[in-house]
Amino acid sequence: NKADITRALSFFKKGQFVLKKRMGGYDGLGTFIVRSEKDLSVFFKKFDFKENEWIAEEFIPFQRECAFSMARNASGEMVVLPLVEVRSHDNRCDLVFGPIKHPSLNKLIAHCAHFLEDLKY
């Protein structure tokens, strides 16, 4: 709610956090970076704010964003889609390309597979 989002200024390191729409915010259209109280005021003016629609996450600066998806069927069979690199500008996804390689990918896939199994996803 509005009070929780305002409290996030003191909760997250340096008062910096990212607000993401719970639904439909992955491509950046529902993403807003807060670095100050002024930014928070802009957020409340810019977006049609509704309760329980936003998630606050710690702001983590990064140079590169990579992603892959996994799916598990009722029989427990898993499919892993290729690793891709995501390029964004102004918090909006501009380009996704791949497949790409990363030295930790197999280890990450194994961790995610165990996680999906534990959840019986």
PDB file of N, CA and C in Angstrom:
ATOM      1  N   ASN A   1       0.845  -1.184   0.000  1.00  0.00           N
ATOM      2  CA  ASN A   1       0.000   0.000   0.000  1.00  0.00           C
ATOM      3  C   ASN A   1       0.885   1.241   0.000  1.00  0.00           C
ATOM      4  N   LYS A   2       0.269   2.375  -0.057  1.00  0.00           N
ATOM      5  CA  LYS A   2       1.019   3.630  -0.171  1.00  0.00           C
ATOM      6  C   LYS A   2       1.965   3.841   1.023  1.00  0.00           C
ATOM      7  N   ALA A   3       1.511   3.515   2.207  1.00  0.00           N
ATOM      8  CA  ALA A   3       2.340   3.698   3.411  1.00  0.00           C
ATOM      9  C   ALA A   3       3.554   2.764   3.370  1.00  0.00           C
ATOM     10  N   ASP A   4       3.351   1.517   2.940  1.00  0.00           N
ATOM     11  CA  ASP A   4       4.470   0.570   2.853  1.00  0.00           C
ATOM     12  C   ASP A   4       5.505   1.027   1.822  1.00  0.00           C
ATOM     13  N   ILE A   5       5.025   1.514   0.696  1.00  0.00           N
ATOM     14  CA  ILE A   5       5.951   1.991  -0.333  1.00  0.00           C
ATOM     15  C   ILE A   5       6.741   3.181   0.186  1.00  0.00           C
ATOM     16  N   THR A   6       6.097   4.070   0.914  1.00  0.00           N
ATOM     17  CA  THR A   6       6.799   5.221   1.493  1.00  0.00           C
ATOM     18  C   THR A   6       7.832   4.755   2.519  1.00  0.00           C
ATOM     19  N   ARG A   7       7.493   3.734   3.325  1.00  0.00           N
ATOM     20  CA  ARG A   7       8.438   3.192   4.310  1.00  0.00           C
ATOM     21  C   ARG A   7       9.645   2.528   3.637  1.00  0.00           C
ATOM     22  N   ALA A   8       9.482   2.099   2.410  1.00  0.00           N
ATOM     23  CA  ALA A   8      10.587   1.452   1.687  1.00  0.00           C
ATOM     24  C   ALA A   8      11.788   2.380   1.546  1.00  0.00           C
ATOM     25  N   LEU A   9      11.569   3.687   1.563  1.00  0.00           N
ATOM     26  CA  LEU A   9      12.687   4.644   1.499  1.00  0.00           C
ATOM     27  C   LEU A   9      13.681   4.416   2.628  1.00  0.00           C
ATOM     28  N   SER A  10      13.191   4.097   3.812  1.00  0.00           N
ATOM     29  CA  SER A  10      14.100   3.867   4.937  1.00  0.00           C
ATOM     30  C   SER A  10      14.498   2.398   5.071  1.00  0.00           C
ATOM     31  N   PHE A  11      13.747   1.499   4.460  1.00  0.00           N
ATOM     32  CA  PHE A  11      14.027   0.075   4.572  1.00  0.00           C
ATOM     33  C   PHE A  11      15.198  -0.352   3.686  1.00  0.00           C
ATOM     34  N   PHE A  12      15.219   0.113   2.445  1.00  0.00           N
ATOM     35  CA  PHE A  12      16.252  -0.312   1.502  1.00  0.00           C
ATOM     36  C   PHE A  12      17.495   0.565   1.622  1.00  0.00           C
ATOM     37  N   LYS A  13      18.647  -0.045   1.305  1.00  0.00           N
ATOM     38  CA  LYS A  13      19.922   0.656   1.374  1.00  0.00           C
ATOM     39  C   LYS A  13      19.868   1.973   0.617  1.00  0.00           C
ATOM     40  N   LYS A  14      20.327   3.017   1.256  1.00  0.00           N
ATOM     41  CA  LYS A  14      20.411   4.344   0.657  1.00  0.00           C
ATOM     42  C   LYS A  14      19.069   4.849   0.140  1.00  0.00           C
ATOM     43  N   GLY A  15      17.978   4.248   0.590  1.00  0.00           N
ATOM     44  CA  GLY A  15      16.662   4.683   0.149  1.00  0.00           C
ATOM     45  C   GLY A  15      16.398   4.427  -1.324  1.00  0.00           C
ATOM     46  N   GLN A  16      17.150   3.501  -1.905  1.00  0.00           N
ATOM     47  CA  GLN A  16      16.986   3.207  -3.331  1.00  0.00           C
ATOM     48  C   GLN A  16      16.320   1.854  -3.502  1.00  0.00           C
ATOM     49  N   PHE A  17      15.277   1.839  -4.315  1.00  0.00           N
ATOM     50  CA  PHE A  17      14.587   0.580  -4.583  1.00  0.00           C
ATOM     51  C   PHE A  17      13.876   0.671  -5.924  1.00  0.00           C
ATOM     52  N   VAL A  18      13.389  -0.469  -6.362  1.00  0.00           N
ATOM     53  CA  VAL A  18      12.676  -0.557  -7.634  1.00  0.00           C
ATOM     54  C   VAL A  18      11.250  -0.979  -7.348  1.00  0.00           C
ATOM     55  N   LEU A  19      10.315  -0.281  -7.928  1.00  0.00           N
ATOM     56  CA  LEU A  19       8.912  -0.670  -7.845  1.00  0.00           C
ATOM     57  C   LEU A  19       8.546  -1.354  -9.151  1.00  0.00           C
ATOM     58  N   LYS A  20       7.954  -2.542  -9.037  1.00  0.00           N
ATOM     59  CA  LYS A  20       7.544  -3.306 -10.220  1.00  0.00           C
ATOM     60  C   LYS A  20       6.092  -3.696 -10.069  1.00  0.00           C
ATOM     61  N   LYS A  21       5.367  -3.577 -11.171  1.00  0.00           N
ATOM     62  CA  LYS A  21       3.988  -4.048 -11.158  1.00  0.00           C
ATOM     63  C   LYS A  21       3.991  -5.554 -10.967  1.00  0.00           C
ATOM     64  N   ARG A  22       3.083  -6.045 -10.148  1.00  0.00           N
ATOM     65  CA  ARG A  22       2.998  -7.484  -9.904  1.00  0.00           C
ATOM     66  C   ARG A  22       2.642  -8.235 -11.174  1.00  0.00           C
ATOM     67  N   MET A  23       1.846  -7.642 -12.020  1.00  0.00           N
ATOM     68  CA  MET A  23       1.435  -8.276 -13.270  1.00  0.00           C
ATOM     69  C   MET A  23       1.758  -7.326 -14.417  1.00  0.00           C
ATOM     70  N   GLY A  24       2.426  -7.841 -15.438  1.00  0.00           N
ATOM     71  CA  GLY A  24       2.674  -7.047 -16.636  1.00  0.00           C
ATOM     72  C   GLY A  24       3.795  -6.042 -16.522  1.00  0.00           C
ATOM     73  N   GLY A  25       4.658  -6.166 -15.524  1.00  0.00           N
ATOM     74  CA  GLY A  25       5.735  -5.196 -15.354  1.00  0.00           C
ATOM     75  C   GLY A  25       7.092  -5.679 -15.801  1.00  0.00           C
ATOM     76  N   TYR A  26       7.174  -6.898 -16.348  1.00  0.00           N
ATOM     77  CA  TYR A  26       8.488  -7.474 -16.649  1.00  0.00           C
ATOM     78  C   TYR A  26       9.226  -6.723 -17.743  1.00  0.00           C
ATOM     79  N   ASP A  27       8.525  -6.215 -18.739  1.00  0.00           N
ATOM     80  CA  ASP A  27       9.191  -5.572 -19.866  1.00  0.00           C
ATOM     81  C   ASP A  27       9.662  -4.160 -19.546  1.00  0.00           C
ATOM     82  N   GLY A  28       9.444  -3.728 -18.335  1.00  0.00           N
ATOM     83  CA  GLY A  28       9.895  -2.405 -17.937  1.00  0.00           C
ATOM     84  C   GLY A  28       8.800  -1.359 -17.959  1.00  0.00           C
ATOM     85  N   LEU A  29       7.697  -1.645 -18.612  1.00  0.00           N
ATOM     86  CA  LEU A  29       6.616  -0.660 -18.670  1.00  0.00           C
ATOM     87  C   LEU A  29       6.024  -0.416 -17.287  1.00  0.00           C
ATOM     88  N   GLY A  30       6.107  -1.394 -16.418  1.00  0.00           N
ATOM     89  CA  GLY A  30       5.602  -1.253 -15.065  1.00  0.00           C
ATOM     90  C   GLY A  30       6.732  -1.253 -14.060  1.00  0.00           C
ATOM     91  N   THR A  31       7.836  -0.597 -14.412  1.00  0.00           N
ATOM     92  CA  THR A  31       9.011  -0.550 -13.544  1.00  0.00           C
ATOM     93  C   THR A  31       9.373   0.908 -13.271  1.00  0.00           C
ATOM     94  N   PHE A  32       9.655   1.214 -12.017  1.00  0.00           N
ATOM     95  CA  PHE A  32      10.015   2.591 -11.650  1.00  0.00           C
ATOM     96  C   PHE A  32      11.107   2.534 -10.589  1.00  0.00           C
ATOM     97  N   ILE A  33      12.217   3.228 -10.831  1.00  0.00           N
ATOM     98  CA  ILE A  33      13.338   3.265  -9.882  1.00  0.00           C
ATOM     99  C   ILE A  33      13.183   4.474  -8.969  1.00  0.00           C
ATOM    100  N   VAL A  34      13.267   4.222  -7.660  1.00  0.00           N
ATOM    101  CA  VAL A  34      13.160   5.279  -6.661  1.00  0.00           C
ATOM    102  C   VAL A  34      14.531   5.465  -6.025  1.00  0.00           C
ATOM    103  N   ARG A  35      15.045   6.696  -6.113  1.00  0.00           N
ATOM    104  CA  ARG A  35      16.336   7.023  -5.496  1.00  0.00           C
ATOM    105  C   ARG A  35      16.205   8.122  -4.443  1.00  0.00           C
ATOM    106  N   SER A  36      14.993   8.689  -4.330  1.00  0.00           N
ATOM    107  CA  SER A  36      14.782   9.800  -3.393  1.00  0.00           C
ATOM    108  C   SER A  36      13.286   9.977  -3.135  1.00  0.00           C
ATOM    109  N   GLU A  37      12.975  10.834  -2.149  1.00  0.00           N
ATOM    110  CA  GLU A  37      11.578  11.155  -1.858  1.00  0.00           C
ATOM    111  C   GLU A  37      10.926  11.830  -3.059  1.00  0.00           C
ATOM    112  N   LYS A  38      11.709  12.641  -3.769  1.00  0.00           N
ATOM    113  CA  LYS A  38      11.195  13.321  -4.955  1.00  0.00           C
ATOM    114  C   LYS A  38      10.748  12.293  -6.007  1.00  0.00           C
ATOM    115  N   ASP A  39      11.568  11.257  -6.213  1.00  0.00           N
ATOM    116  CA  ASP A  39      11.192  10.200  -7.158  1.00  0.00           C
ATOM    117  C   ASP A  39       9.887   9.533  -6.747  1.00  0.00           C
ATOM    118  N   LEU A  40       9.727   9.337  -5.451  1.00  0.00           N
ATOM    119  CA  LEU A  40       8.512   8.692  -4.954  1.00  0.00           C
ATOM    120  C   LEU A  40       7.286   9.562  -5.245  1.00  0.00           C
ATOM    121  N   SER A  41       7.424  10.868  -5.092  1.00  0.00           N
ATOM    122  CA  SER A  41       6.330  11.784  -5.430  1.00  0.00           C
ATOM    123  C   SER A  41       5.985  11.691  -6.913  1.00  0.00           C
ATOM    124  N   VAL A  42       7.020  11.604  -7.754  1.00  0.00           N
ATOM    125  CA  VAL A  42       6.804  11.464  -9.197  1.00  0.00           C
ATOM    126  C   VAL A  42       6.068  10.159  -9.485  1.00  0.00           C
ATOM    127  N   PHE A  43       6.467   9.090  -8.806  1.00  0.00           N
ATOM    128  CA  PHE A  43       5.812   7.789  -8.992  1.00  0.00           C
ATOM    129  C   PHE A  43       4.318   7.892  -8.725  1.00  0.00           C
ATOM    130  N   PHE A  44       3.948   8.483  -7.587  1.00  0.00           N
ATOM    131  CA  PHE A  44       2.529   8.546  -7.224  1.00  0.00           C
ATOM    132  C   PHE A  44       1.737   9.425  -8.192  1.00  0.00           C
ATOM    133  N   LYS A  45       2.397  10.407  -8.818  1.00  0.00           N
ATOM    134  CA  LYS A  45       1.717  11.251  -9.804  1.00  0.00           C
ATOM    135  C   LYS A  45       1.641  10.565 -11.168  1.00  0.00           C
ATOM    136  N   LYS A  46       2.676   9.815 -11.509  1.00  0.00           N
ATOM    137  CA  LYS A  46       2.788   9.219 -12.848  1.00  0.00           C
ATOM    138  C   LYS A  46       1.888   7.996 -13.031  1.00  0.00           C
ATOM    139  N   PHE A  47       1.768   7.188 -11.990  1.00  0.00           N
ATOM    140  CA  PHE A  47       1.036   5.932 -12.115  1.00  0.00           C
ATOM    141  C   PHE A  47      -0.311   6.010 -11.415  1.00  0.00           C
ATOM    142  N   ASP A  48      -1.277   5.338 -12.002  1.00  0.00           N
ATOM    143  CA  ASP A  48      -2.585   5.186 -11.386  1.00  0.00           C
ATOM    144  C   ASP A  48      -2.421   4.123 -10.298  1.00  0.00           C
ATOM    145  N   PHE A  49      -2.107   4.562  -9.095  1.00  0.00           N
ATOM    146  CA  PHE A  49      -1.743   3.658  -8.007  1.00  0.00           C
ATOM    147  C   PHE A  49      -2.950   2.890  -7.498  1.00  0.00           C
ATOM    148  N   LYS A  50      -2.783   1.564  -7.405  1.00  0.00           N
ATOM    149  CA  LYS A  50      -3.799   0.698  -6.818  1.00  0.00           C
ATOM    150  C   LYS A  50      -3.133  -0.166  -5.752  1.00  0.00           C
ATOM    151  N   GLU A  51      -3.866  -0.444  -4.681  1.00  0.00           N
ATOM    152  CA  GLU A  51      -3.351  -1.284  -3.597  1.00  0.00           C
ATOM    153  C   GLU A  51      -2.946  -2.659  -4.125  1.00  0.00           C
ATOM    154  N   ASN A  52      -1.889  -3.224  -3.565  1.00  0.00           N
ATOM    155  CA  ASN A  52      -1.421  -4.580  -3.867  1.00  0.00           C
ATOM    156  C   ASN A  52      -1.043  -4.799  -5.328  1.00  0.00           C
ATOM    157  N   GLU A  53      -0.727  -3.734  -6.038  1.00  0.00           N
ATOM    158  CA  GLU A  53      -0.376  -3.865  -7.445  1.00  0.00           C
ATOM    159  C   GLU A  53       1.137  -3.803  -7.658  1.00  0.00           C
ATOM    160  N   TRP A  54       1.873  -3.327  -6.663  1.00  0.00           N
ATOM    161  CA  TRP A  54       3.303  -3.081  -6.824  1.00  0.00           C
ATOM    162  C   TRP A  54       4.127  -3.877  -5.819  1.00  0.00           C
ATOM    163  N   ILE A  55       5.324  -4.246  -6.230  1.00  0.00           N
ATOM    164  CA  ILE A  55       6.289  -4.938  -5.375  1.00  0.00           C
ATOM    165  C   ILE A  55       7.534  -4.059  -5.305  1.00  0.00           C
ATOM    166  N   ALA A  56       8.077  -3.878  -4.111  1.00  0.00           N
ATOM    167  CA  ALA A  56       9.315  -3.111  -3.943  1.00  0.00           C
ATOM    168  C   ALA A  56      10.475  -4.093  -3.812  1.00  0.00           C
ATOM    169  N   GLU A  57      11.520  -3.858  -4.584  1.00  0.00           N
ATOM    170  CA  GLU A  57      12.720  -4.698  -4.544  1.00  0.00           C
ATOM    171  C   GLU A  57      13.944  -3.815  -4.350  1.00  0.00           C
ATOM    172  N   GLU A  58      14.965  -4.382  -3.766  1.00  0.00           N
ATOM    173  CA  GLU A  58      16.214  -3.652  -3.602  1.00  0.00           C
ATOM    174  C   GLU A  58      16.771  -3.251  -4.970  1.00  0.00           C
ATOM    175  N   PHE A  59      17.268  -2.026  -5.072  1.00  0.00           N
ATOM    176  CA  PHE A  59      17.899  -1.562  -6.303  1.00  0.00           C
ATOM    177  C   PHE A  59      19.306  -2.136  -6.376  1.00  0.00           C
ATOM    178  N   ILE A  60      19.586  -2.832  -7.446  1.00  0.00           N
ATOM    179  CA  ILE A  60      20.915  -3.411  -7.649  1.00  0.00           C
ATOM    180  C   ILE A  60      21.413  -2.951  -9.015  1.00  0.00           C
ATOM    181  N   PRO A  61      22.437  -2.093  -9.032  1.00  0.00           N
ATOM    182  CA  PRO A  61      22.956  -1.665 -10.332  1.00  0.00           C
ATOM    183  C   PRO A  61      23.642  -2.840 -11.026  1.00  0.00           C
ATOM    184  N   PHE A  62      23.432  -2.962 -12.315  1.00  0.00           N
ATOM    185  CA  PHE A  62      24.044  -4.059 -13.051  1.00  0.00           C
ATOM    186  C   PHE A  62      24.450  -3.593 -14.437  1.00  0.00           C
ATOM    187  N   GLN A  63      25.409  -4.295 -14.996  1.00  0.00           N
ATOM    188  CA  GLN A  63      25.883  -3.993 -16.339  1.00  0.00           C
ATOM    189  C   GLN A  63      25.192  -4.858 -17.384  1.00  0.00           C
ATOM    190  N   ARG A  64      24.737  -6.046 -16.955  1.00  0.00           N
ATOM    191  CA  ARG A  64      24.225  -7.022 -17.902  1.00  0.00           C
ATOM    192  C   ARG A  64      23.117  -7.824 -17.236  1.00  0.00           C
ATOM    193  N   GLU A  65      22.057  -8.090 -17.980  1.00  0.00           N
ATOM    194  CA  GLU A  65      20.977  -8.912 -17.461  1.00  0.00           C
ATOM    195  C   GLU A  65      20.807 -10.121 -18.379  1.00  0.00           C
ATOM    196  N   CYS A  66      20.847 -11.297 -17.777  1.00  0.00           N
ATOM    197  CA  CYS A  66      20.660 -12.540 -18.518  1.00  0.00           C
ATOM    198  C   CYS A  66      19.454 -13.262 -17.921  1.00  0.00           C
ATOM    199  N   ALA A  67      18.790 -14.058 -18.763  1.00  0.00           N
ATOM    200  CA  ALA A  67      17.596 -14.750 -18.288  1.00  0.00           C
ATOM    201  C   ALA A  67      17.415 -16.067 -19.027  1.00  0.00           C
ATOM    202  N   PHE A  68      16.810 -17.011 -18.324  1.00  0.00           N
ATOM    203  CA  PHE A  68      16.352 -18.248 -18.957  1.00  0.00           C
ATOM    204  C   PHE A  68      15.061 -18.654 -18.260  1.00  0.00           C
ATOM    205  N   SER A  69      14.311 -19.518 -18.904  1.00  0.00           N
ATOM    206  CA  SER A  69      13.055 -19.994 -18.329  1.00  0.00           C
ATOM    207  C   SER A  69      13.084 -21.505 -18.244  1.00  0.00           C
ATOM    208  N   MET A  70      12.385 -22.007 -17.247  1.00  0.00           N
ATOM    209  CA  MET A  70      12.239 -23.450 -17.072  1.00  0.00           C
ATOM    210  C   MET A  70      10.766 -23.756 -16.901  1.00  0.00           C
ATOM    211  N   ALA A  71      10.383 -24.936 -17.347  1.00  0.00           N
ATOM    212  CA  ALA A  71       9.010 -25.409 -17.141  1.00  0.00           C
ATOM    213  C   ALA A  71       9.080 -26.863 -16.694  1.00  0.00           C
ATOM    214  N   ARG A  72       8.139 -27.246 -15.844  1.00  0.00           N
ATOM    215  CA  ARG A  72       8.073 -28.615 -15.329  1.00  0.00           C
ATOM    216  C   ARG A  72       6.636 -29.088 -15.470  1.00  0.00           C
ATOM    217  N   ASN A  73       6.432 -30.244 -16.094  1.00  0.00           N
ATOM    218  CA  ASN A  73       5.064 -30.743 -16.250  1.00  0.00           C
ATOM    219  C   ASN A  73       4.668 -31.609 -15.052  1.00  0.00           C
ATOM    220  N   ALA A  74       3.445 -32.098 -15.072  1.00  0.00           N
ATOM    221  CA  ALA A  74       2.911 -32.883 -13.948  1.00  0.00           C
ATOM    222  C   ALA A  74       3.694 -34.169 -13.719  1.00  0.00           C
ATOM    223  N   SER A  75       4.364 -34.675 -14.745  1.00  0.00           N
ATOM    224  CA  SER A  75       5.182 -35.889 -14.614  1.00  0.00           C
ATOM    225  C   SER A  75       6.578 -35.601 -14.087  1.00  0.00           C
ATOM    226  N   GLY A  76       6.888 -34.325 -13.897  1.00  0.00           N
ATOM    227  CA  GLY A  76       8.205 -33.951 -13.389  1.00  0.00           C
ATOM    228  C   GLY A  76       9.245 -33.702 -14.470  1.00  0.00           C
ATOM    229  N   GLU A  77       8.858 -33.838 -15.742  1.00  0.00           N
ATOM    230  CA  GLU A  77       9.804 -33.564 -16.828  1.00  0.00           C
ATOM    231  C   GLU A  77      10.032 -32.056 -16.919  1.00  0.00           C
ATOM    232  N   MET A  78      11.302 -31.696 -17.137  1.00  0.00           N
ATOM    233  CA  MET A  78      11.639 -30.278 -17.208  1.00  0.00           C
ATOM    234  C   MET A  78      12.200 -29.912 -18.559  1.00  0.00           C
ATOM    235  N   VAL A  79      11.902 -28.692 -18.945  1.00  0.00           N
ATOM    236  CA  VAL A  79      12.429 -28.112 -20.172  1.00  0.00           C
ATOM    237  C   VAL A  79      13.103 -26.803 -19.792  1.00  0.00           C
ATOM    238  N   VAL A  80      14.283 -26.573 -20.337  1.00  0.00           N
ATOM    239  CA  VAL A  80      15.015 -25.333 -20.096  1.00  0.00           C
ATOM    240  C   VAL A  80      15.129 -24.597 -21.421  1.00  0.00           C
ATOM    241  N   LEU A  81      14.641 -23.378 -21.445  1.00  0.00           N
ATOM    242  CA  LEU A  81      14.795 -22.548 -22.638  1.00  0.00           C
ATOM    243  C   LEU A  81      16.177 -21.903 -22.611  1.00  0.00           C
ATOM    244  N   PRO A  82      16.710 -21.536 -23.770  1.00  0.00           N
ATOM    245  CA  PRO A  82      18.075 -21.011 -23.825  1.00  0.00           C
ATOM    246  C   PRO A  82      18.283 -19.732 -23.013  1.00  0.00           C
ATOM    247  N   LEU A  83      19.508 -19.557 -22.552  1.00  0.00           N
ATOM    248  CA  LEU A  83      19.918 -18.335 -21.869  1.00  0.00           C
ATOM    249  C   LEU A  83      19.992 -17.216 -22.894  1.00  0.00           C
ATOM    250  N   VAL A  84      19.433 -16.060 -22.532  1.00  0.00           N
ATOM    251  CA  VAL A  84      19.450 -14.895 -23.411  1.00  0.00           C
ATOM    252  C   VAL A  84      19.973 -13.685 -22.646  1.00  0.00           C
ATOM    253  N   GLU A  85      20.409 -12.688 -23.376  1.00  0.00           N
ATOM    254  CA  GLU A  85      20.800 -11.419 -22.774  1.00  0.00           C
ATOM    255  C   GLU A  85      19.718 -10.401 -23.076  1.00  0.00           C
ATOM    256  N   VAL A  86      19.387  -9.609 -22.066  1.00  0.00           N
ATOM    257  CA  VAL A  86      18.348  -8.600 -22.178  1.00  0.00           C
ATOM    258  C   VAL A  86      19.013  -7.229 -22.131  1.00  0.00           C
ATOM    259  N   ARG A  87      18.741  -6.412 -23.105  1.00  0.00           N
ATOM    260  CA  ARG A  87      19.246  -5.036 -23.119  1.00  0.00           C
ATOM    261  C   ARG A  87      18.079  -4.092 -22.887  1.00  0.00           C
ATOM    262  N   SER A  88      18.261  -3.182 -21.946  1.00  0.00           N
ATOM    263  CA  SER A  88      17.194  -2.243 -21.589  1.00  0.00           C
ATOM    264  C   SER A  88      17.692  -0.812 -21.689  1.00  0.00           C
ATOM    265  N   HIS A  89      16.745   0.088 -21.875  1.00  0.00           N
ATOM    266  CA  HIS A  89      17.018   1.524 -21.872  1.00  0.00           C
ATOM    267  C   HIS A  89      15.851   2.192 -21.148  1.00  0.00           C
ATOM    268  N   ASP A  90      16.160   3.041 -20.176  1.00  0.00           N
ATOM    269  CA  ASP A  90      15.116   3.690 -19.366  1.00  0.00           C
ATOM    270  C   ASP A  90      14.158   2.664 -18.766  1.00  0.00           C
ATOM    271  N   ASN A  91      14.707   1.581 -18.268  1.00  0.00           N
ATOM    272  CA  ASN A  91      13.950   0.517 -17.591  1.00  0.00           C
ATOM    273  C   ASN A  91      13.029  -0.255 -18.520  1.00  0.00           C
ATOM    274  N   ARG A  92      13.187  -0.100 -19.805  1.00  0.00           N
ATOM    275  CA  ARG A  92      12.346  -0.819 -20.760  1.00  0.00           C
ATOM    276  C   ARG A  92      13.187  -1.777 -21.579  1.00  0.00           C
ATOM    277  N   CYS A  93      12.669  -2.955 -21.731  1.00  0.00           N
ATOM    278  CA  CYS A  93      13.345  -3.972 -22.527  1.00  0.00           C
ATOM    279  C   CYS A  93      13.332  -3.545 -23.992  1.00  0.00           C
ATOM    280  N   ASP A  94      14.540  -3.370 -24.553  1.00  0.00           N
ATOM    281  CA  ASP A  94      14.665  -2.978 -25.959  1.00  0.00           C
ATOM    282  C   ASP A  94      15.011  -4.154 -26.858  1.00  0.00           C
ATOM    283  N   LEU A  95      15.812  -5.084 -26.317  1.00  0.00           N
ATOM    284  CA  LEU A  95      16.356  -6.138 -27.157  1.00  0.00           C
ATOM    285  C   LEU A  95      16.628  -7.380 -26.318  1.00  0.00           C
ATOM    286  N   VAL A  96      16.283  -8.520 -26.854  1.00  0.00           N
ATOM    287  CA  VAL A  96      16.614  -9.806 -26.240  1.00  0.00           C
ATOM    288  C   VAL A  96      17.295 -10.625 -27.316  1.00  0.00           C
ATOM    289  N   PHE A  97      18.513 -11.106 -27.012  1.00  0.00           N
ATOM    290  CA  PHE A  97      19.188 -11.931 -28.016  1.00  0.00           C
ATOM    291  C   PHE A  97      19.845 -13.132 -27.366  1.00  0.00           C
ATOM    292  N   GLY A  98      20.029 -14.159 -28.162  1.00  0.00           N
ATOM    293  CA  GLY A  98      20.642 -15.372 -27.655  1.00  0.00           C
ATOM    294  C   GLY A  98      20.500 -16.471 -28.686  1.00  0.00           C
ATOM    295  N   PRO A  99      20.826 -17.652 -28.372  1.00  0.00           N
ATOM    296  CA  PRO A  99      21.287 -18.055 -27.043  1.00  0.00           C
ATOM    297  C   PRO A  99      22.716 -17.571 -26.777  1.00  0.00           C
ATOM    298  N   ILE A 100      23.006 -17.387 -25.489  1.00  0.00           N
ATOM    299  CA  ILE A 100      24.347 -17.001 -25.073  1.00  0.00           C
ATOM    300  C   ILE A 100      24.873 -18.048 -24.096  1.00  0.00           C
ATOM    301  N   LYS A 101      26.155 -17.964 -23.800  1.00  0.00           N
ATOM    302  CA  LYS A 101      26.772 -18.902 -22.860  1.00  0.00           C
ATOM    303  C   LYS A 101      27.183 -18.162 -21.593  1.00  0.00           C
ATOM    304  N   HIS A 102      27.196 -18.905 -20.490  1.00  0.00           N
ATOM    305  CA  HIS A 102      27.681 -18.368 -19.216  1.00  0.00           C
ATOM    306  C   HIS A 102      28.268 -19.531 -18.439  1.00  0.00           C
ATOM    307  N   PRO A 103      29.434 -19.350 -17.819  1.00  0.00           N
ATOM    308  CA  PRO A 103      30.092 -20.472 -17.137  1.00  0.00           C
ATOM    309  C   PRO A 103      29.311 -21.054 -15.964  1.00  0.00           C
ATOM    310  N   SER A 104      28.401 -20.304 -15.379  1.00  0.00           N
ATOM    311  CA  SER A 104      27.636 -20.790 -14.222  1.00  0.00           C
ATOM    312  C   SER A 104      26.252 -21.311 -14.587  1.00  0.00           C
ATOM    313  N   LEU A 105      25.927 -21.355 -15.870  1.00  0.00           N
ATOM    314  CA  LEU A 105      24.569 -21.702 -16.269  1.00  0.00           C
ATOM    315  C   LEU A 105      24.150 -23.097 -15.803  1.00  0.00           C
ATOM    316  N   ASN A 106      24.959 -24.108 -16.007  1.00  0.00           N
ATOM    317  CA  ASN A 106      24.567 -25.470 -15.617  1.00  0.00           C
ATOM    318  C   ASN A 106      24.334 -25.585 -14.117  1.00  0.00           C
ATOM    319  N   LYS A 107      25.158 -24.924 -13.329  1.00  0.00           N
ATOM    320  CA  LYS A 107      24.985 -24.951 -11.873  1.00  0.00           C
ATOM    321  C   LYS A 107      23.668 -24.257 -11.487  1.00  0.00           C
ATOM    322  N   LEU A 108      23.369 -23.142 -12.133  1.00  0.00           N
ATOM    323  CA  LEU A 108      22.130 -22.423 -11.851  1.00  0.00           C
ATOM    324  C   LEU A 108      20.910 -23.247 -12.263  1.00  0.00           C
ATOM    325  N   ILE A 109      20.989 -23.903 -13.411  1.00  0.00           N
ATOM    326  CA  ILE A 109      19.886 -24.756 -13.860  1.00  0.00           C
ATOM    327  C   ILE A 109      19.638 -25.876 -12.849  1.00  0.00           C
ATOM    328  N   ALA A 110      20.708 -26.480 -12.352  1.00  0.00           N
ATOM    329  CA  ALA A 110      20.559 -27.557 -11.356  1.00  0.00           C
ATOM    330  C   ALA A 110      19.872 -27.037 -10.091  1.00  0.00           C
ATOM    331  N   HIS A 111      20.279 -25.851  -9.610  1.00  0.00           N
ATOM    332  CA  HIS A 111      19.642 -25.259  -8.423  1.00  0.00           C
ATOM    333  C   HIS A 111      18.159 -24.988  -8.678  1.00  0.00           C
ATOM    334  N   CYS A 112      17.857 -24.433  -9.837  1.00  0.00           N
ATOM    335  CA  CYS A 112      16.461 -24.125 -10.170  1.00  0.00           C
ATOM    336  C   CYS A 112      15.636 -25.407 -10.310  1.00  0.00           C
ATOM    337  N   ALA A 113      16.224 -26.445 -10.887  1.00  0.00           N
ATOM    338  CA  ALA A 113      15.516 -27.728 -11.030  1.00  0.00           C
ATOM    339  C   ALA A 113      15.171 -28.294  -9.651  1.00  0.00           C
ATOM    340  N   HIS A 114      16.111 -28.247  -8.716  1.00  0.00           N
ATOM    341  CA  HIS A 114      15.830 -28.717  -7.349  1.00  0.00           C
ATOM    342  C   HIS A 114      14.729 -27.874  -6.708  1.00  0.00           C
ATOM    343  N   PHE A 115      14.778 -26.589  -6.936  1.00  0.00           N
ATOM    344  CA  PHE A 115      13.767 -25.684  -6.383  1.00  0.00           C
ATOM    345  C   PHE A 115      12.384 -26.051  -6.924  1.00  0.00           C
ATOM    346  N   LEU A 116      12.276 -26.254  -8.236  1.00  0.00           N
ATOM    347  CA  LEU A 116      10.993 -26.621  -8.833  1.00  0.00           C
ATOM    348  C   LEU A 116      10.499 -27.964  -8.305  1.00  0.00           C
ATOM    349  N   GLU A 117      11.423 -28.902  -8.147  1.00  0.00           N
ATOM    350  CA  GLU A 117      11.048 -30.209  -7.598  1.00  0.00           C
ATOM    351  C   GLU A 117      10.559 -30.079  -6.159  1.00  0.00           C
ATOM    352  N   ASP A 118      11.279 -29.312  -5.338  1.00  0.00           N
ATOM    353  CA  ASP A 118      10.877 -29.135  -3.941  1.00  0.00           C
ATOM    354  C   ASP A 118       9.485 -28.508  -3.825  1.00  0.00           C
ATOM    355  N   LEU A 119       9.182 -27.587  -4.740  1.00  0.00           N
ATOM    356  CA  LEU A 119       7.866 -26.931  -4.743  1.00  0.00           C
ATOM    357  C   LEU A 119       6.787 -27.805  -5.375  1.00  0.00           C
ATOM    358  N   LYS A 120       7.233 -28.846  -6.067  1.00  0.00           N
ATOM    359  CA  LYS A 120       6.311 -29.666  -6.870  1.00  0.00           C
ATOM    360  C   LYS A 120       5.570 -28.774  -7.865  1.00  0.00           C
ATOM    361  N   TYR A 121       6.331 -27.859  -8.442  1.00  0.00           N
ATOM    362  CA  TYR A 121       5.792 -26.884  -9.383  1.00  0.00           C
ATOM    363  C   TYR A 121       5.328 -27.560 -10.654  1.00  0.00           C
TER     364      TYR A 121
END
